[in-house]
Amino acid sequence: MANAEKKEKIGFFKRIGNFFKRIGRFFKNMWHELKKVTWPTGKDVLNYSLVVFAFMVIMGVIIGVIDFGSGALIDWIIKL
């Protein structure tokens, strides 16, 4: 009970000020971490993008073939 009485109540404006300090500290820390990042070159980004695009095309063809084959199989089963 003594601890509860000793705690002082923090005022509204003090809490608002602490809130904005914490937000500022967050963005400051984020900026420092982003400066440590090794960013890819434009050539690397282009290569990665082409690899992803090629993968999407290949997967689209595979899924299309499976869809076409399963549709033909269903049609064949229905005609029986």
PDB file of N, CA and C in Angstrom:
ATOM      1  N   MET A   1       0.821  -1.175   0.000  1.00  0.00           N
ATOM      2  CA  MET A   1       0.000   0.000   0.000  1.00  0.00           C
ATOM      3  C   MET A   1       0.872   1.249   0.000  1.00  0.00           C
ATOM      4  N   ALA A   2       2.044   1.159   0.660  1.00  0.00           N
ATOM      5  CA  ALA A   2       2.926   2.311   0.742  1.00  0.00           C
ATOM      6  C   ALA A   2       3.473   2.680  -0.629  1.00  0.00           C
ATOM      7  N   ASN A   3       3.746   1.654  -1.470  1.00  0.00           N
ATOM      8  CA  ASN A   3       4.264   1.927  -2.809  1.00  0.00           C
ATOM      9  C   ASN A   3       3.241   2.642  -3.661  1.00  0.00           C
ATOM     10  N   ALA A   4       1.985   2.258  -3.515  1.00  0.00           N
ATOM     11  CA  ALA A   4       0.939   2.896  -4.301  1.00  0.00           C
ATOM     12  C   ALA A   4       0.793   4.364  -3.925  1.00  0.00           C
ATOM     13  N   GLU A   5       0.989   4.660  -2.662  1.00  0.00           N
ATOM     14  CA  GLU A   5       0.869   6.053  -2.224  1.00  0.00           C
ATOM     15  C   GLU A   5       2.070   6.881  -2.671  1.00  0.00           C
ATOM     16  N   LYS A   6       3.241   6.242  -2.776  1.00  0.00           N
ATOM     17  CA  LYS A   6       4.452   6.977  -3.143  1.00  0.00           C
ATOM     18  C   LYS A   6       4.496   7.307  -4.630  1.00  0.00           C
ATOM     19  N   LYS A   7       3.813   6.505  -5.445  1.00  0.00           N
ATOM     20  CA  LYS A   7       3.828   6.782  -6.874  1.00  0.00           C
ATOM     21  C   LYS A   7       3.125   8.098  -7.135  1.00  0.00           C
ATOM     22  N   GLU A   8       3.827   8.964  -7.836  1.00  0.00           N
ATOM     23  CA  GLU A   8       3.189  10.231  -8.176  1.00  0.00           C
ATOM     24  C   GLU A   8       2.469  10.074  -9.504  1.00  0.00           C
ATOM     25  N   LYS A   9       1.377  10.773  -9.649  1.00  0.00           N
ATOM     26  CA  LYS A   9       0.623  10.694 -10.887  1.00  0.00           C
ATOM     27  C   LYS A   9       1.292  11.596 -11.913  1.00  0.00           C
ATOM     28  N   ILE A  10       1.460  11.021 -13.103  1.00  0.00           N
ATOM     29  CA  ILE A  10       2.073  11.781 -14.186  1.00  0.00           C
ATOM     30  C   ILE A  10       0.981  12.582 -14.869  1.00  0.00           C
ATOM     31  N   GLY A  11       1.253  13.841 -15.097  1.00  0.00           N
ATOM     32  CA  GLY A  11       0.274  14.722 -15.710  1.00  0.00           C
ATOM     33  C   GLY A  11       0.035  14.400 -17.177  1.00  0.00           C
ATOM     34  N   PHE A  12      -1.065  14.911 -17.675  1.00  0.00           N
ATOM     35  CA  PHE A  12      -1.470  14.658 -19.058  1.00  0.00           C
ATOM     36  C   PHE A  12      -0.415  15.158 -20.039  1.00  0.00           C
ATOM     37  N   PHE A  13       0.069  16.383 -19.866  1.00  0.00           N
ATOM     38  CA  PHE A  13       1.028  16.958 -20.804  1.00  0.00           C
ATOM     39  C   PHE A  13       2.378  16.261 -20.712  1.00  0.00           C
ATOM     40  N   LYS A  14       2.729  15.764 -19.548  1.00  0.00           N
ATOM     41  CA  LYS A  14       3.973  15.019 -19.379  1.00  0.00           C
ATOM     42  C   LYS A  14       3.889  13.697 -20.163  1.00  0.00           C
ATOM     43  N   ARG A  15       2.719  13.043 -20.081  1.00  0.00           N
ATOM     44  CA  ARG A  15       2.549  11.796 -20.823  1.00  0.00           C
ATOM     45  C   ARG A  15       2.595  12.033 -22.327  1.00  0.00           C
ATOM     46  N   ILE A  16       1.983  13.117 -22.786  1.00  0.00           N
ATOM     47  CA  ILE A  16       2.009  13.450 -24.218  1.00  0.00           C
ATOM     48  C   ILE A  16       3.445  13.717 -24.654  1.00  0.00           C
ATOM     49  N   GLY A  17       4.197  14.456 -23.844  1.00  0.00           N
ATOM     50  CA  GLY A  17       5.595  14.743 -24.169  1.00  0.00           C
ATOM     51  C   GLY A  17       6.416  13.468 -24.233  1.00  0.00           C
ATOM     52  N   ASN A  18       6.198  12.547 -23.286  1.00  0.00           N
ATOM     53  CA  ASN A  18       6.923  11.280 -23.308  1.00  0.00           C
ATOM     54  C   ASN A  18       6.559  10.451 -24.535  1.00  0.00           C
ATOM     55  N   PHE A  19       5.297  10.510 -24.930  1.00  0.00           N
ATOM     56  CA  PHE A  19       4.844   9.784 -26.117  1.00  0.00           C
ATOM     57  C   PHE A  19       5.610  10.249 -27.347  1.00  0.00           C
ATOM     58  N   PHE A  20       5.700  11.564 -27.533  1.00  0.00           N
ATOM     59  CA  PHE A  20       6.392  12.093 -28.703  1.00  0.00           C
ATOM     60  C   PHE A  20       7.894  11.863 -28.621  1.00  0.00           C
ATOM     61  N   LYS A  21       8.465  11.845 -27.430  1.00  0.00           N
ATOM     62  CA  LYS A  21       9.885  11.527 -27.286  1.00  0.00           C
ATOM     63  C   LYS A  21      10.158  10.098 -27.710  1.00  0.00           C
ATOM     64  N   ARG A  22       9.259   9.185 -27.311  1.00  0.00           N
ATOM     65  CA  ARG A  22       9.442   7.784 -27.694  1.00  0.00           C
ATOM     66  C   ARG A  22       9.324   7.605 -29.200  1.00  0.00           C
ATOM     67  N   ILE A  23       8.378   8.306 -29.823  1.00  0.00           N
ATOM     68  CA  ILE A  23       8.242   8.221 -31.278  1.00  0.00           C
ATOM     69  C   ILE A  23       9.501   8.769 -31.951  1.00  0.00           C
ATOM     70  N   GLY A  24       9.992   9.904 -31.469  1.00  0.00           N
ATOM     71  CA  GLY A  24      11.214  10.478 -32.029  1.00  0.00           C
ATOM     72  C   GLY A  24      12.391   9.541 -31.877  1.00  0.00           C
ATOM     73  N   ARG A  25      12.504   8.899 -30.723  1.00  0.00           N
ATOM     74  CA  ARG A  25      13.602   7.960 -30.473  1.00  0.00           C
ATOM     75  C   ARG A  25      13.494   6.763 -31.414  1.00  0.00           C
ATOM     76  N   PHE A  26      12.255   6.295 -31.649  1.00  0.00           N
ATOM     77  CA  PHE A  26      12.046   5.173 -32.560  1.00  0.00           C
ATOM     78  C   PHE A  26      12.556   5.512 -33.956  1.00  0.00           C
ATOM     79  N   PHE A  27      12.157   6.677 -34.486  1.00  0.00           N
ATOM     80  CA  PHE A  27      12.581   7.047 -35.836  1.00  0.00           C
ATOM     81  C   PHE A  27      14.078   7.313 -35.905  1.00  0.00           C
ATOM     82  N   LYS A  28      14.663   7.842 -34.851  1.00  0.00           N
ATOM     83  CA  LYS A  28      16.105   8.072 -34.826  1.00  0.00           C
ATOM     84  C   LYS A  28      16.844   6.738 -34.868  1.00  0.00           C
ATOM     85  N   ASN A  29      16.397   5.779 -34.071  1.00  0.00           N
ATOM     86  CA  ASN A  29      17.025   4.453 -34.080  1.00  0.00           C
ATOM     87  C   ASN A  29      16.829   3.760 -35.422  1.00  0.00           C
ATOM     88  N   MET A  30      15.640   3.924 -36.008  1.00  0.00           N
ATOM     89  CA  MET A  30      15.378   3.326 -37.303  1.00  0.00           C
ATOM     90  C   MET A  30      16.315   3.904 -38.360  1.00  0.00           C
ATOM     91  N   TRP A  31      16.538   5.193 -38.325  1.00  0.00           N
ATOM     92  CA  TRP A  31      17.419   5.842 -39.289  1.00  0.00           C
ATOM     93  C   TRP A  31      18.848   5.326 -39.141  1.00  0.00           C
ATOM     94  N   HIS A  32      19.303   5.152 -37.903  1.00  0.00           N
ATOM     95  CA  HIS A  32      20.660   4.637 -37.684  1.00  0.00           C
ATOM     96  C   HIS A  32      20.792   3.203 -38.203  1.00  0.00           C
ATOM     97  N   GLU A  33      19.756   2.397 -38.031  1.00  0.00           N
ATOM     98  CA  GLU A  33      19.800   1.021 -38.527  1.00  0.00           C
ATOM     99  C   GLU A  33      19.772   0.996 -40.054  1.00  0.00           C
ATOM    100  N   LEU A  34      18.989   1.879 -40.675  1.00  0.00           N
ATOM    101  CA  LEU A  34      18.920   1.904 -42.135  1.00  0.00           C
ATOM    102  C   LEU A  34      20.241   2.349 -42.758  1.00  0.00           C
ATOM    103  N   LYS A  35      21.024   3.140 -42.043  1.00  0.00           N
ATOM    104  CA  LYS A  35      22.319   3.550 -42.557  1.00  0.00           C
ATOM    105  C   LYS A  35      23.296   2.375 -42.573  1.00  0.00           C
ATOM    106  N   LYS A  36      23.048   1.335 -41.769  1.00  0.00           N
ATOM    107  CA  LYS A  36      23.919   0.161 -41.717  1.00  0.00           C
ATOM    108  C   LYS A  36      23.611  -0.848 -42.822  1.00  0.00           C
ATOM    109  N   VAL A  37      22.459  -0.693 -43.481  1.00  0.00           N
ATOM    110  CA  VAL A  37      22.014  -1.669 -44.477  1.00  0.00           C
ATOM    111  C   VAL A  37      22.882  -1.567 -45.724  1.00  0.00           C
ATOM    112  N   THR A  38      23.223  -2.739 -46.276  1.00  0.00           N
ATOM    113  CA  THR A  38      23.924  -2.780 -47.558  1.00  0.00           C
ATOM    114  C   THR A  38      22.865  -2.905 -48.644  1.00  0.00           C
ATOM    115  N   TRP A  39      22.670  -1.839 -49.381  1.00  0.00           N
ATOM    116  CA  TRP A  39      21.620  -1.815 -50.384  1.00  0.00           C
ATOM    117  C   TRP A  39      22.123  -2.437 -51.683  1.00  0.00           C
ATOM    118  N   PRO A  40      21.270  -3.193 -52.407  1.00  0.00           N
ATOM    119  CA  PRO A  40      21.702  -3.797 -53.672  1.00  0.00           C
ATOM    120  C   PRO A  40      21.861  -2.734 -54.748  1.00  0.00           C
ATOM    121  N   THR A  41      22.713  -3.054 -55.704  1.00  0.00           N
ATOM    122  CA  THR A  41      22.909  -2.135 -56.827  1.00  0.00           C
ATOM    123  C   THR A  41      21.725  -2.256 -57.780  1.00  0.00           C
ATOM    124  N   GLY A  42      21.650  -1.334 -58.718  1.00  0.00           N
ATOM    125  CA  GLY A  42      20.563  -1.379 -59.694  1.00  0.00           C
ATOM    126  C   GLY A  42      20.612  -2.637 -60.542  1.00  0.00           C
ATOM    127  N   LYS A  43      21.832  -3.091 -60.858  1.00  0.00           N
ATOM    128  CA  LYS A  43      21.993  -4.309 -61.643  1.00  0.00           C
ATOM    129  C   LYS A  43      21.482  -5.522 -60.861  1.00  0.00           C
ATOM    130  N   ASP A  44      21.774  -5.565 -59.571  1.00  0.00           N
ATOM    131  CA  ASP A  44      21.289  -6.667 -58.728  1.00  0.00           C
ATOM    132  C   ASP A  44      19.764  -6.672 -58.664  1.00  0.00           C
ATOM    133  N   VAL A  45      19.171  -5.502 -58.494  1.00  0.00           N
ATOM    134  CA  VAL A  45      17.711  -5.410 -58.428  1.00  0.00           C
ATOM    135  C   VAL A  45      17.086  -5.885 -59.736  1.00  0.00           C
ATOM    136  N   LEU A  46      17.677  -5.512 -60.853  1.00  0.00           N
ATOM    137  CA  LEU A  46      17.169  -5.955 -62.152  1.00  0.00           C
ATOM    138  C   LEU A  46      17.268  -7.472 -62.271  1.00  0.00           C
ATOM    139  N   ASN A  47      18.413  -8.040 -61.874  1.00  0.00           N
ATOM    140  CA  ASN A  47      18.581  -9.494 -61.943  1.00  0.00           C
ATOM    141  C   ASN A  47      17.571 -10.209 -61.052  1.00  0.00           C
ATOM    142  N   TYR A  48      17.392  -9.733 -59.830  1.00  0.00           N
ATOM    143  CA  TYR A  48      16.433 -10.350 -58.910  1.00  0.00           C
ATOM    144  C   TYR A  48      15.019 -10.249 -59.466  1.00  0.00           C
ATOM    145  N   SER A  49      14.690  -9.119 -60.056  1.00  0.00           N
ATOM    146  CA  SER A  49      13.352  -8.925 -60.618  1.00  0.00           C
ATOM    147  C   SER A  49      13.120  -9.884 -61.788  1.00  0.00           C
ATOM    148  N   LEU A  50      14.138 -10.071 -62.633  1.00  0.00           N
ATOM    149  CA  LEU A  50      13.999 -10.991 -63.758  1.00  0.00           C
ATOM    150  C   LEU A  50      13.841 -12.428 -63.285  1.00  0.00           C
ATOM    151  N   VAL A  51      14.559 -12.803 -62.249  1.00  0.00           N
ATOM    152  CA  VAL A  51      14.428 -14.150 -61.695  1.00  0.00           C
ATOM    153  C   VAL A  51      13.019 -14.362 -61.158  1.00  0.00           C
ATOM    154  N   VAL A  52      12.486 -13.396 -60.439  1.00  0.00           N
ATOM    155  CA  VAL A  52      11.131 -13.511 -59.897  1.00  0.00           C
ATOM    156  C   VAL A  52      10.118 -13.581 -61.034  1.00  0.00           C
ATOM    157  N   PHE A  53      10.283 -12.747 -62.047  1.00  0.00           N
ATOM    158  CA  PHE A  53       9.362 -12.759 -63.180  1.00  0.00           C
ATOM    159  C   PHE A  53       9.401 -14.107 -63.905  1.00  0.00           C
ATOM    160  N   ALA A  54      10.608 -14.649 -64.130  1.00  0.00           N
ATOM    161  CA  ALA A  54      10.742 -15.953 -64.792  1.00  0.00           C
ATOM    162  C   ALA A  54      10.072 -17.042 -63.952  1.00  0.00           C
ATOM    163  N   PHE A  55      10.257 -16.997 -62.649  1.00  0.00           N
ATOM    164  CA  PHE A  55       9.627 -17.981 -61.760  1.00  0.00           C
ATOM    165  C   PHE A  55       8.109 -17.891 -61.853  1.00  0.00           C
ATOM    166  N   MET A  56       7.586 -16.668 -61.889  1.00  0.00           N
ATOM    167  CA  MET A  56       6.128 -16.489 -61.983  1.00  0.00           C
ATOM    168  C   MET A  56       5.601 -17.042 -63.302  1.00  0.00           C
ATOM    169  N   VAL A  57       6.322 -16.817 -64.393  1.00  0.00           N
ATOM    170  CA  VAL A  57       5.881 -17.326 -65.694  1.00  0.00           C
ATOM    171  C   VAL A  57       5.896 -18.849 -65.692  1.00  0.00           C
ATOM    172  N   ILE A  58       6.979 -19.442 -65.175  1.00  0.00           N
ATOM    173  CA  ILE A  58       7.081 -20.903 -65.134  1.00  0.00           C
ATOM    174  C   ILE A  58       5.966 -21.493 -64.274  1.00  0.00           C
ATOM    175  N   MET A  59       5.733 -20.926 -63.118  1.00  0.00           N
ATOM    176  CA  MET A  59       4.670 -21.428 -62.245  1.00  0.00           C
ATOM    177  C   MET A  59       3.299 -21.234 -62.880  1.00  0.00           C
ATOM    178  N   GLY A  60       3.099 -20.132 -63.599  1.00  0.00           N
ATOM    179  CA  GLY A  60       1.837 -19.917 -64.301  1.00  0.00           C
ATOM    180  C   GLY A  60       1.595 -20.975 -65.354  1.00  0.00           C
ATOM    181  N   VAL A  61       2.649 -21.340 -66.100  1.00  0.00           N
ATOM    182  CA  VAL A  61       2.523 -22.380 -67.120  1.00  0.00           C
ATOM    183  C   VAL A  61       2.211 -23.721 -66.462  1.00  0.00           C
ATOM    184  N   ILE A  62       2.920 -24.043 -65.375  1.00  0.00           N
ATOM    185  CA  ILE A  62       2.688 -25.314 -64.683  1.00  0.00           C
ATOM    186  C   ILE A  62       1.252 -25.387 -64.155  1.00  0.00           C
ATOM    187  N   ILE A  63       0.802 -24.320 -63.517  1.00  0.00           N
ATOM    188  CA  ILE A  63      -0.562 -24.311 -62.972  1.00  0.00           C
ATOM    189  C   ILE A  63      -1.582 -24.367 -64.104  1.00  0.00           C
ATOM    190  N   GLY A  64      -1.313 -23.676 -65.221  1.00  0.00           N
ATOM    191  CA  GLY A  64      -2.222 -23.723 -66.370  1.00  0.00           C
ATOM    192  C   GLY A  64      -2.328 -25.115 -66.955  1.00  0.00           C
ATOM    193  N   VAL A  65      -1.193 -25.819 -67.064  1.00  0.00           N
ATOM    194  CA  VAL A  65      -1.211 -27.185 -67.593  1.00  0.00           C
ATOM    195  C   VAL A  65      -1.989 -28.102 -66.654  1.00  0.00           C
ATOM    196  N   ILE A  66      -1.757 -27.967 -65.346  1.00  0.00           N
ATOM    197  CA  ILE A  66      -2.496 -28.788 -64.379  1.00  0.00           C
ATOM    198  C   ILE A  66      -3.989 -28.475 -64.457  1.00  0.00           C
ATOM    199  N   ASP A  67      -4.344 -27.209 -64.584  1.00  0.00           N
ATOM    200  CA  ASP A  67      -5.750 -26.818 -64.671  1.00  0.00           C
ATOM    201  C   ASP A  67      -6.384 -27.376 -65.943  1.00  0.00           C
ATOM    202  N   PHE A  68      -5.692 -27.238 -67.060  1.00  0.00           N
ATOM    203  CA  PHE A  68      -6.208 -27.752 -68.323  1.00  0.00           C
ATOM    204  C   PHE A  68      -6.368 -29.264 -68.263  1.00  0.00           C
ATOM    205  N   GLY A  69      -5.373 -29.948 -67.721  1.00  0.00           N
ATOM    206  CA  GLY A  69      -5.424 -31.411 -67.617  1.00  0.00           C
ATOM    207  C   GLY A  69      -6.532 -31.886 -66.694  1.00  0.00           C
ATOM    208  N   SER A  70      -6.686 -31.231 -65.565  1.00  0.00           N
ATOM    209  CA  SER A  70      -7.744 -31.644 -64.636  1.00  0.00           C
ATOM    210  C   SER A  70      -9.120 -31.340 -65.222  1.00  0.00           C
ATOM    211  N   GLY A  71      -9.247 -30.247 -65.964  1.00  0.00           N
ATOM    212  CA  GLY A  71     -10.520 -29.938 -66.631  1.00  0.00           C
ATOM    213  C   GLY A  71     -10.857 -30.971 -67.680  1.00  0.00           C
ATOM    214  N   ALA A  72      -9.855 -31.382 -68.465  1.00  0.00           N
ATOM    215  CA  ALA A  72     -10.091 -32.410 -69.465  1.00  0.00           C
ATOM    216  C   ALA A  72     -10.449 -33.740 -68.813  1.00  0.00           C
ATOM    217  N   LEU A  73      -9.805 -34.051 -67.696  1.00  0.00           N
ATOM    218  CA  LEU A  73     -10.115 -35.287 -66.973  1.00  0.00           C
ATOM    219  C   LEU A  73     -11.545 -35.276 -66.441  1.00  0.00           C
ATOM    220  N   ILE A  74     -11.978 -34.154 -65.900  1.00  0.00           N
ATOM    221  CA  ILE A  74     -13.344 -34.033 -65.391  1.00  0.00           C
ATOM    222  C   ILE A  74     -14.342 -34.183 -66.537  1.00  0.00           C
ATOM    223  N   ASP A  75     -14.062 -33.547 -67.703  1.00  0.00           N
ATOM    224  CA  ASP A  75     -14.942 -33.681 -68.858  1.00  0.00           C
ATOM    225  C   ASP A  75     -15.026 -35.131 -69.313  1.00  0.00           C
ATOM    226  N   TRP A  76     -13.908 -35.826 -69.341  1.00  0.00           N
ATOM    227  CA  TRP A  76     -13.864 -37.236 -69.745  1.00  0.00           C
ATOM    228  C   TRP A  76     -14.671 -38.102 -68.785  1.00  0.00           C
ATOM    229  N   ILE A  77     -14.546 -37.810 -67.463  1.00  0.00           N
ATOM    230  CA  ILE A  77     -15.294 -38.570 -66.473  1.00  0.00           C
ATOM    231  C   ILE A  77     -16.797 -38.314 -66.608  1.00  0.00           C
ATOM    232  N   ILE A  78     -17.184 -37.087 -66.878  1.00  0.00           N
ATOM    233  CA  ILE A  78     -18.611 -36.753 -67.015  1.00  0.00           C
ATOM    234  C   ILE A  78     -19.208 -37.421 -68.247  1.00  0.00           C
ATOM    235  N   LYS A  79     -18.443 -37.525 -69.332  1.00  0.00           N
ATOM    236  CA  LYS A  79     -18.950 -38.125 -70.572  1.00  0.00           C
ATOM    237  C   LYS A  79     -19.149 -39.629 -70.444  1.00  0.00           C
ATOM    238  N   LEU A  80     -18.491 -40.267 -69.470  1.00  0.00           N
ATOM    239  CA  LEU A  80     -18.651 -41.710 -69.305  1.00  0.00           C
ATOM    240  C   LEU A  80     -20.015 -41.989 -68.871  1.00  0.00           C
TER     241      LEU A  80
END
